[in-house]
Protein backbone atom coordinates (compact mmCIF):
# COMPACT_ATOMS: atom_id res chain seq x y z
CA MET A 1 52.42 -152.89 60.58
CA SER A 2 53.36 -156.29 61.87
CA GLY A 3 51.33 -159.29 60.81
CA VAL A 4 49.86 -157.57 57.77
CA GLY A 5 50.69 -159.40 54.59
CA GLU A 6 50.24 -158.69 50.93
CA GLY A 7 48.42 -160.65 48.21
CA ALA A 8 47.21 -163.99 49.58
CA GLY A 9 47.88 -162.68 53.09
CA ASP A 10 45.40 -159.87 52.42
CA ALA A 11 42.61 -162.37 51.79
CA SER A 12 43.55 -164.24 54.95
CA LEU A 13 43.60 -161.06 57.04
CA LEU A 14 40.24 -159.98 55.60
CA LYS A 15 38.68 -163.35 56.48
CA GLU A 16 40.16 -163.24 59.97
CA SER A 17 38.87 -159.69 60.54
CA LEU A 18 35.38 -160.54 59.28
CA ARG A 19 35.27 -163.67 61.44
CA THR A 20 36.39 -161.72 64.50
CA LYS A 21 33.63 -159.12 64.15
CA ARG A 22 31.02 -161.74 63.20
CA ASP A 23 31.80 -163.58 66.42
CA GLY A 24 31.51 -160.38 68.48
CA GLY A 25 35.25 -159.86 69.01
CA ALA A 26 37.29 -156.67 68.82
CA LEU A 27 39.65 -155.90 65.96
CA THR A 28 43.26 -155.05 66.69
CA GLY A 29 44.68 -151.66 65.78
CA ASP A 30 46.53 -153.26 62.87
CA GLN A 31 43.34 -154.85 61.58
CA CYS A 32 41.44 -151.56 61.81
CA ASN A 33 44.20 -149.64 60.04
CA TRP A 34 44.52 -152.30 57.36
CA LEU A 35 40.76 -152.38 56.71
CA LEU A 36 40.39 -148.60 56.61
CA ALA A 37 43.32 -148.23 54.19
CA ARG A 38 41.88 -150.86 51.83
CA VAL A 39 38.31 -149.57 52.03
CA GLY A 40 39.56 -146.05 51.28
CA CYS A 41 41.31 -147.34 48.14
CA GLY A 42 38.36 -149.45 47.01
CA GLN A 43 40.27 -152.72 47.55
CA ILE A 44 37.59 -154.41 49.67
CA ASP A 45 34.72 -155.88 47.66
CA GLU A 46 31.16 -154.77 48.41
CA ALA A 47 30.08 -158.13 49.81
CA SER A 48 32.92 -158.19 52.36
CA LEU A 49 32.36 -154.57 53.32
CA THR A 50 28.64 -155.26 53.77
CA ALA A 51 29.41 -158.27 56.00
CA LEU A 52 31.80 -156.17 58.10
CA LEU A 53 29.31 -153.32 58.51
CA ALA A 54 26.50 -155.73 59.41
CA SER A 55 28.70 -157.30 62.08
CA ILE A 56 29.58 -153.87 63.45
CA TRP A 57 25.87 -152.95 63.48
CA PHE A 58 24.90 -156.07 65.43
CA HIS A 59 27.92 -156.35 67.75
CA GLY A 60 29.10 -152.75 68.00
CA MET A 61 32.69 -151.65 68.40
CA GLU A 62 34.99 -151.53 71.40
CA PRO A 63 36.54 -148.19 72.42
CA GLY A 64 39.95 -149.43 71.25
CA GLU A 65 38.62 -149.97 67.74
CA LEU A 66 37.58 -146.34 67.53
CA ARG A 67 41.03 -144.86 68.17
């Protein structure tokens, strides 16, 4: 996946993804894949996951985010 870093880059990508959904934007395929992989491994803290899910609840998801 291009643009997906490790370590400090992970925190940056998480913040960017949360900000995007909070502002009503759509996540890229890379962002969705990255988030799902980390959530599945328990690498996303509960507060961040809660913020992401709340943003999805309020703003919904685009068809491209569901593929």
